[in-house]
């Protein structure tokens, strides 16, 4: 259990960090100032977790502990100072993929800790991973990442399902968390690389 707790702690840090950077990258493309960059980093990083905590009746994590806010602000300022041309071409997509995988597992784990049923915990993981990006995109005025045809929510679902499912059948920690993150990141990475998508609705 100690190994799982340590892994989940680092997944939380990783999710906060990479989502904060992704928020900054979207913001700097709109040429915002560093205060605006801090705002977008914060809402991207904590948006999904805030909704998760409200739904599972947990204390909102960044209200009781200011360290997530401090971390987001520090990362935002550092990322804002890096010239946009220095970032790899698809840095945003890959950072977002890493955050998606980490937060899907972390969100599902926290829901389970608060007594949420396994299926609902999977949904909590997806919410944790996806809602911050939606808030970021809507706030900055760009098309939501959910509207792209590449697999996105599906990757979050796979990560959360793998974590909860492997734990439910009795696989020892920390392997469910490790495999969940790997599965989610691999699927999202494949979608970025090869434009993988589920069939759209056929319309009329």
C-alpha atoms as a PDB file:
ATOM      1  CA  UNK A   1       0.000   0.000   0.000  1.00  0.00           C
ATOM      2  CA  UNK A   2       2.898   2.352   0.668  1.00  0.00           C
ATOM      3  CA  UNK A   3       4.129   1.859  -2.902  1.00  0.00           C
ATOM      4  CA  UNK A   4       0.644   2.635  -4.245  1.00  0.00           C
ATOM      5  CA  UNK A   5       0.368   5.741  -2.105  1.00  0.00           C
ATOM      6  CA  UNK A   6       3.727   6.999  -3.325  1.00  0.00           C
ATOM      7  CA  UNK A   7       2.827   6.288  -6.954  1.00  0.00           C
ATOM      8  CA  UNK A   8      -0.528   8.052  -6.646  1.00  0.00           C
ATOM      9  CA  UNK A   9       1.176  11.063  -5.075  1.00  0.00           C
ATOM     10  CA  UNK A  10       3.516  11.348  -8.057  1.00  0.00           C
ATOM     11  CA  UNK A  11       0.656  10.788 -10.505  1.00  0.00           C
ATOM     12  CA  UNK A  12      -1.121  13.737  -8.892  1.00  0.00           C
ATOM     13  CA  UNK A  13       1.994  15.907  -9.213  1.00  0.00           C
ATOM     14  CA  UNK A  14       2.535  14.776 -12.798  1.00  0.00           C
ATOM     15  CA  UNK A  15      -1.090  15.433 -13.749  1.00  0.00           C
ATOM     16  CA  UNK A  16      -1.044  18.898 -12.219  1.00  0.00           C
ATOM     17  CA  UNK A  17       2.270  19.781 -13.837  1.00  0.00           C
ATOM     18  CA  UNK A  18       1.643  18.658 -17.395  1.00  0.00           C
ATOM     19  CA  UNK A  19      -1.907  20.007 -17.468  1.00  0.00           C
ATOM     20  CA  UNK A  20      -0.617  23.333 -16.148  1.00  0.00           C
ATOM     21  CA  UNK A  21       1.926  23.478 -18.971  1.00  0.00           C
ATOM     22  CA  UNK A  22      -0.710  22.538 -21.539  1.00  0.00           C
ATOM     23  CA  UNK A  23      -2.878  25.386 -20.289  1.00  0.00           C
ATOM     24  CA  UNK A  24       0.020  27.807 -20.690  1.00  0.00           C
ATOM     25  CA  UNK A  25       0.786  26.591 -24.216  1.00  0.00           C
ATOM     26  CA  UNK A  26      -2.789  27.205 -25.313  1.00  0.00           C
ATOM     27  CA  UNK A  27      -2.749  30.622 -23.650  1.00  0.00           C
ATOM     28  CA  UNK A  28       0.555  31.849 -25.098  1.00  0.00           C
ATOM     29  CA  UNK A  29      -0.674  31.065 -28.598  1.00  0.00           C
ATOM     30  CA  UNK A  30      -3.249  33.767 -27.852  1.00  0.00           C
ATOM     31  CA  UNK A  31      -0.417  36.047 -26.630  1.00  0.00           C
ATOM     32  CA  UNK A  32      -1.745  36.472 -23.082  1.00  0.00           C
ATOM     33  CA  UNK A  33       0.290  38.012 -20.269  1.00  0.00           C
ATOM     34  CA  UNK A  34       1.824  35.953 -17.472  1.00  0.00           C
ATOM     35  CA  UNK A  35      -1.146  36.518 -15.140  1.00  0.00           C
ATOM     36  CA  UNK A  36      -3.466  35.127 -17.791  1.00  0.00           C
ATOM     37  CA  UNK A  37      -1.080  32.214 -18.286  1.00  0.00           C
ATOM     38  CA  UNK A  38      -1.260  31.439 -14.557  1.00  0.00           C
ATOM     39  CA  UNK A  39      -5.056  31.477 -14.738  1.00  0.00           C
ATOM     40  CA  UNK A  40      -5.191  29.055 -17.655  1.00  0.00           C
ATOM     41  CA  UNK A  41      -2.610  26.782 -16.023  1.00  0.00           C
ATOM     42  CA  UNK A  42      -4.677  26.672 -12.842  1.00  0.00           C
ATOM     43  CA  UNK A  43      -8.099  26.021 -14.386  1.00  0.00           C
ATOM     44  CA  UNK A  44      -6.657  23.328 -16.646  1.00  0.00           C
ATOM     45  CA  UNK A  45      -4.852  21.560 -13.829  1.00  0.00           C
ATOM     46  CA  UNK A  46      -7.524  21.700 -11.110  1.00  0.00           C
ATOM     47  CA  UNK A  47     -10.788  21.894 -13.063  1.00  0.00           C
ATOM     48  CA  UNK A  48     -11.421  18.169 -13.373  1.00  0.00           C
ATOM     49  CA  UNK A  49     -10.289  17.380  -9.850  1.00  0.00           C
ATOM     50  CA  UNK A  50     -12.507  20.103  -8.431  1.00  0.00           C
ATOM     51  CA  UNK A  51     -15.616  18.655 -10.072  1.00  0.00           C
ATOM     52  CA  UNK A  52     -14.591  15.153  -8.982  1.00  0.00           C
ATOM     53  CA  UNK A  53     -14.231  16.209  -5.349  1.00  0.00           C
ATOM     54  CA  UNK A  54     -17.607  17.932  -5.387  1.00  0.00           C
ATOM     55  CA  UNK A  55     -19.272  14.836  -6.851  1.00  0.00           C
ATOM     56  CA  UNK A  56     -17.718  12.363  -4.408  1.00  0.00           C
ATOM     57  CA  UNK A  57     -18.345  14.671  -1.430  1.00  0.00           C
ATOM     58  CA  UNK A  58     -14.655  15.156  -0.701  1.00  0.00           C
ATOM     59  CA  UNK A  59     -12.966  18.394   0.406  1.00  0.00           C
ATOM     60  CA  UNK A  60     -11.862  20.266  -2.716  1.00  0.00           C
ATOM     61  CA  UNK A  61      -8.190  19.386  -2.760  1.00  0.00           C
ATOM     62  CA  UNK A  62      -6.689  22.794  -3.500  1.00  0.00           C
ATOM     63  CA  UNK A  63      -8.858  24.633  -0.972  1.00  0.00           C
ATOM     64  CA  UNK A  64      -7.343  22.898   2.050  1.00  0.00           C
ATOM     65  CA  UNK A  65      -3.811  22.641   0.664  1.00  0.00           C
ATOM     66  CA  UNK A  66      -2.425  25.607  -1.312  1.00  0.00           C
ATOM     67  CA  UNK A  67       0.513  23.628  -2.736  1.00  0.00           C
ATOM     68  CA  UNK A  68      -1.322  22.695  -5.992  1.00  0.00           C
ATOM     69  CA  UNK A  69      -1.989  26.386  -6.641  1.00  0.00           C
ATOM     70  CA  UNK A  70       1.626  27.322  -5.894  1.00  0.00           C
ATOM     71  CA  UNK A  71       2.886  24.514  -8.136  1.00  0.00           C
ATOM     72  CA  UNK A  72       0.654  25.620 -11.022  1.00  0.00           C
ATOM     73  CA  UNK A  73       1.720  29.258 -10.711  1.00  0.00           C
ATOM     74  CA  UNK A  74       5.425  28.419 -10.612  1.00  0.00           C
ATOM     75  CA  UNK A  75       5.119  26.096 -13.603  1.00  0.00           C
ATOM     76  CA  UNK A  76       3.014  28.637 -15.487  1.00  0.00           C
ATOM     77  CA  UNK A  77       5.532  31.442 -15.067  1.00  0.00           C
ATOM     78  CA  UNK A  78       8.421  29.163 -16.040  1.00  0.00           C
ATOM     79  CA  UNK A  79       6.586  27.882 -19.130  1.00  0.00           C
ATOM     80  CA  UNK A  80       5.460  31.386 -20.117  1.00  0.00           C
ATOM     81  CA  UNK A  81       9.075  32.565 -20.118  1.00  0.00           C
ATOM     82  CA  UNK A  82      10.093  29.891 -22.645  1.00  0.00           C
ATOM     83  CA  UNK A  83       9.723  31.225 -26.213  1.00  0.00           C
ATOM     84  CA  UNK A  84       6.992  29.420 -28.100  1.00  0.00           C
ATOM     85  CA  UNK A  85       9.401  28.497 -30.909  1.00  0.00           C
ATOM     86  CA  UNK A  86      11.461  26.447 -28.436  1.00  0.00           C
ATOM     87  CA  UNK A  87       8.614  24.029 -27.750  1.00  0.00           C
ATOM     88  CA  UNK A  88       8.435  20.894 -29.917  1.00  0.00           C
ATOM     89  CA  UNK A  89       5.724  21.107 -32.553  1.00  0.00           C
ATOM     90  CA  UNK A  90       3.341  18.703 -30.824  1.00  0.00           C
ATOM     91  CA  UNK A  91       4.363  19.411 -27.227  1.00  0.00           C
ATOM     92  CA  UNK A  92       0.817  20.377 -26.278  1.00  0.00           C
ATOM     93  CA  UNK A  93      -0.696  17.093 -27.493  1.00  0.00           C
ATOM     94  CA  UNK A  94       1.877  14.886 -25.768  1.00  0.00           C
ATOM     95  CA  UNK A  95       1.785  16.791 -22.476  1.00  0.00           C
ATOM     96  CA  UNK A  96      -1.990  16.620 -22.528  1.00  0.00           C
ATOM     97  CA  UNK A  97      -1.801  12.867 -23.183  1.00  0.00           C
ATOM     98  CA  UNK A  98       0.461  12.380 -20.169  1.00  0.00           C
ATOM     99  CA  UNK A  99      -1.869  14.394 -17.947  1.00  0.00           C
ATOM    100  CA  UNK A 100      -4.880  12.499 -19.265  1.00  0.00           C
ATOM    101  CA  UNK A 101      -3.399   9.111 -18.370  1.00  0.00           C
ATOM    102  CA  UNK A 102      -2.109  10.169 -14.947  1.00  0.00           C
ATOM    103  CA  UNK A 103      -5.293  11.905 -13.866  1.00  0.00           C
ATOM    104  CA  UNK A 104      -7.620   9.157 -15.104  1.00  0.00           C
ATOM    105  CA  UNK A 105      -5.959   6.724 -12.710  1.00  0.00           C
ATOM    106  CA  UNK A 106      -5.543   9.207  -9.881  1.00  0.00           C
ATOM    107  CA  UNK A 107      -9.165  10.368 -10.095  1.00  0.00           C
ATOM    108  CA  UNK A 108     -10.518   6.821 -10.092  1.00  0.00           C
ATOM    109  CA  UNK A 109      -8.304   5.934  -7.129  1.00  0.00           C
ATOM    110  CA  UNK A 110      -9.467   8.889  -5.069  1.00  0.00           C
ATOM    111  CA  UNK A 111     -13.096   8.061  -5.788  1.00  0.00           C
ATOM    112  CA  UNK A 112     -12.547   4.479  -4.593  1.00  0.00           C
ATOM    113  CA  UNK A 113     -10.927   5.801  -1.414  1.00  0.00           C
ATOM    114  CA  UNK A 114     -14.122   7.722  -0.680  1.00  0.00           C
ATOM    115  CA  UNK A 115     -16.290   4.622  -1.031  1.00  0.00           C
ATOM    116  CA  UNK A 116     -17.546   5.222  -4.567  1.00  0.00           C
ATOM    117  CA  UNK A 117     -18.670   2.117  -6.475  1.00  0.00           C
ATOM    118  CA  UNK A 118     -16.197   0.817  -9.097  1.00  0.00           C
ATOM    119  CA  UNK A 119     -18.207   1.862 -12.172  1.00  0.00           C
ATOM    120  CA  UNK A 120     -18.764   5.324 -10.750  1.00  0.00           C
ATOM    121  CA  UNK A 121     -15.074   5.521  -9.851  1.00  0.00           C
ATOM    122  CA  UNK A 122     -14.210   4.918 -13.507  1.00  0.00           C
ATOM    123  CA  UNK A 123     -16.488   7.822 -14.430  1.00  0.00           C
ATOM    124  CA  UNK A 124     -14.791   9.969 -11.783  1.00  0.00           C
ATOM    125  CA  UNK A 125     -11.435   9.171 -13.355  1.00  0.00           C
ATOM    126  CA  UNK A 126     -12.656  10.264 -16.778  1.00  0.00           C
ATOM    127  CA  UNK A 127     -14.100  13.479 -15.337  1.00  0.00           C
ATOM    128  CA  UNK A 128     -10.838  14.232 -13.535  1.00  0.00           C
ATOM    129  CA  UNK A 129      -8.863  13.773 -16.731  1.00  0.00           C
ATOM    130  CA  UNK A 130     -11.096  15.568 -19.222  1.00  0.00           C
ATOM    131  CA  UNK A 131     -12.976  18.437 -17.596  1.00  0.00           C
ATOM    132  CA  UNK A 132      -9.962  20.705 -17.027  1.00  0.00           C
ATOM    133  CA  UNK A 133      -9.096  20.594 -20.724  1.00  0.00           C
ATOM    134  CA  UNK A 134     -12.678  21.413 -21.657  1.00  0.00           C
ATOM    135  CA  UNK A 135     -12.680  24.439 -19.335  1.00  0.00           C
ATOM    136  CA  UNK A 136      -9.322  25.542 -20.796  1.00  0.00           C
ATOM    137  CA  UNK A 137     -10.511  25.317 -24.387  1.00  0.00           C
ATOM    138  CA  UNK A 138     -13.859  27.006 -23.794  1.00  0.00           C
ATOM    139  CA  UNK A 139     -12.279  29.810 -21.744  1.00  0.00           C
ATOM    140  CA  UNK A 140      -9.503  30.554 -24.241  1.00  0.00           C
ATOM    141  CA  UNK A 141     -11.952  30.367 -27.147  1.00  0.00           C
ATOM    142  CA  UNK A 142     -10.563  27.445 -29.149  1.00  0.00           C
ATOM    143  CA  UNK A 143     -12.440  24.341 -30.360  1.00  0.00           C
ATOM    144  CA  UNK A 144     -12.734  21.862 -27.515  1.00  0.00           C
ATOM    145  CA  UNK A 145     -10.310  18.967 -27.616  1.00  0.00           C
ATOM    146  CA  UNK A 146     -13.333  16.704 -27.131  1.00  0.00           C
ATOM    147  CA  UNK A 147     -14.615  17.737 -30.557  1.00  0.00           C
ATOM    148  CA  UNK A 148     -11.563  16.380 -32.334  1.00  0.00           C
ATOM    149  CA  UNK A 149     -12.069  13.035 -34.006  1.00  0.00           C
ATOM    150  CA  UNK A 150      -8.988  11.437 -32.394  1.00  0.00           C
ATOM    151  CA  UNK A 151      -9.555   9.136 -29.425  1.00  0.00           C
ATOM    152  CA  UNK A 152      -9.486  11.240 -26.253  1.00  0.00           C
ATOM    153  CA  UNK A 153     -12.205  10.407 -23.751  1.00  0.00           C
ATOM    154  CA  UNK A 154     -11.790   6.781 -24.821  1.00  0.00           C
ATOM    155  CA  UNK A 155      -8.142   6.858 -23.726  1.00  0.00           C
ATOM    156  CA  UNK A 156      -9.141   8.237 -20.325  1.00  0.00           C
ATOM    157  CA  UNK A 157     -11.818   5.547 -20.042  1.00  0.00           C
ATOM    158  CA  UNK A 158      -9.324   2.794 -20.873  1.00  0.00           C
ATOM    159  CA  UNK A 159      -6.861   4.065 -18.243  1.00  0.00           C
ATOM    160  CA  UNK A 160      -9.506   4.272 -15.509  1.00  0.00           C
ATOM    161  CA  UNK A 161     -11.064   0.925 -16.485  1.00  0.00           C
ATOM    162  CA  UNK A 162      -7.705  -0.830 -16.473  1.00  0.00           C
ATOM    163  CA  UNK A 163      -6.877   0.542 -13.022  1.00  0.00           C
ATOM    164  CA  UNK A 164     -10.243  -0.237 -11.428  1.00  0.00           C
ATOM    165  CA  UNK A 165     -10.693  -3.564 -13.216  1.00  0.00           C
ATOM    166  CA  UNK A 166      -7.246  -4.913 -12.340  1.00  0.00           C
ATOM    167  CA  UNK A 167      -7.706  -3.888  -8.731  1.00  0.00           C
ATOM    168  CA  UNK A 168     -11.158  -5.489  -8.624  1.00  0.00           C
ATOM    169  CA  UNK A 169      -9.838  -8.874  -9.764  1.00  0.00           C
ATOM    170  CA  UNK A 170      -7.140  -8.753  -7.114  1.00  0.00           C
ATOM    171  CA  UNK A 171      -3.950  -7.742  -8.921  1.00  0.00           C
ATOM    172  CA  UNK A 172      -1.584  -6.358  -6.312  1.00  0.00           C
ATOM    173  CA  UNK A 173      -0.689  -2.688  -6.118  1.00  0.00           C
ATOM    174  CA  UNK A 174       0.946  -0.763  -7.688  1.00  0.00           C
ATOM    175  CA  UNK A 175       0.459  -2.702 -10.936  1.00  0.00           C
ATOM    176  CA  UNK A 176      -3.137  -1.628 -11.631  1.00  0.00           C
ATOM    177  CA  UNK A 177      -2.049   2.021 -11.463  1.00  0.00           C
ATOM    178  CA  UNK A 178       1.070   1.436 -13.557  1.00  0.00           C
ATOM    179  CA  UNK A 179      -0.781  -0.502 -16.240  1.00  0.00           C
ATOM    180  CA  UNK A 180      -3.660   1.968 -16.266  1.00  0.00           C
ATOM    181  CA  UNK A 181      -1.336   4.891 -16.948  1.00  0.00           C
ATOM    182  CA  UNK A 182       0.558   2.967 -19.625  1.00  0.00           C
ATOM    183  CA  UNK A 183      -2.655   1.846 -21.349  1.00  0.00           C
ATOM    184  CA  UNK A 184      -4.182   5.326 -21.362  1.00  0.00           C
ATOM    185  CA  UNK A 185      -1.027   7.058 -22.568  1.00  0.00           C
ATOM    186  CA  UNK A 186      -0.350   4.416 -25.222  1.00  0.00           C
ATOM    187  CA  UNK A 187      -3.856   4.682 -26.659  1.00  0.00           C
ATOM    188  CA  UNK A 188      -3.855   8.472 -26.662  1.00  0.00           C
ATOM    189  CA  UNK A 189      -0.346   8.489 -28.148  1.00  0.00           C
ATOM    190  CA  UNK A 190      -1.426   6.114 -30.901  1.00  0.00           C
ATOM    191  CA  UNK A 191      -4.405   8.365 -31.609  1.00  0.00           C
ATOM    192  CA  UNK A 192      -2.103  11.386 -31.923  1.00  0.00           C
ATOM    193  CA  UNK A 193       0.366   9.532 -34.126  1.00  0.00           C
ATOM    194  CA  UNK A 194      -2.065   7.723 -36.423  1.00  0.00           C
ATOM    195  CA  UNK A 195      -5.264   9.794 -36.046  1.00  0.00           C
ATOM    196  CA  UNK A 196      -7.186   6.881 -34.533  1.00  0.00           C
ATOM    197  CA  UNK A 197     -10.883   7.576 -34.031  1.00  0.00           C
ATOM    198  CA  UNK A 198     -14.134   5.775 -33.363  1.00  0.00           C
ATOM    199  CA  UNK A 199     -16.721   5.862 -36.173  1.00  0.00           C
ATOM    200  CA  UNK A 200     -18.769   9.099 -36.007  1.00  0.00           C
ATOM    201  CA  UNK A 201     -22.542   9.242 -36.047  1.00  0.00           C
ATOM    202  CA  UNK A 202     -23.891   8.762 -39.565  1.00  0.00           C
ATOM    203  CA  UNK A 203     -26.346  11.638 -39.280  1.00  0.00           C
ATOM    204  CA  UNK A 204     -29.524  11.259 -41.302  1.00  0.00           C
END
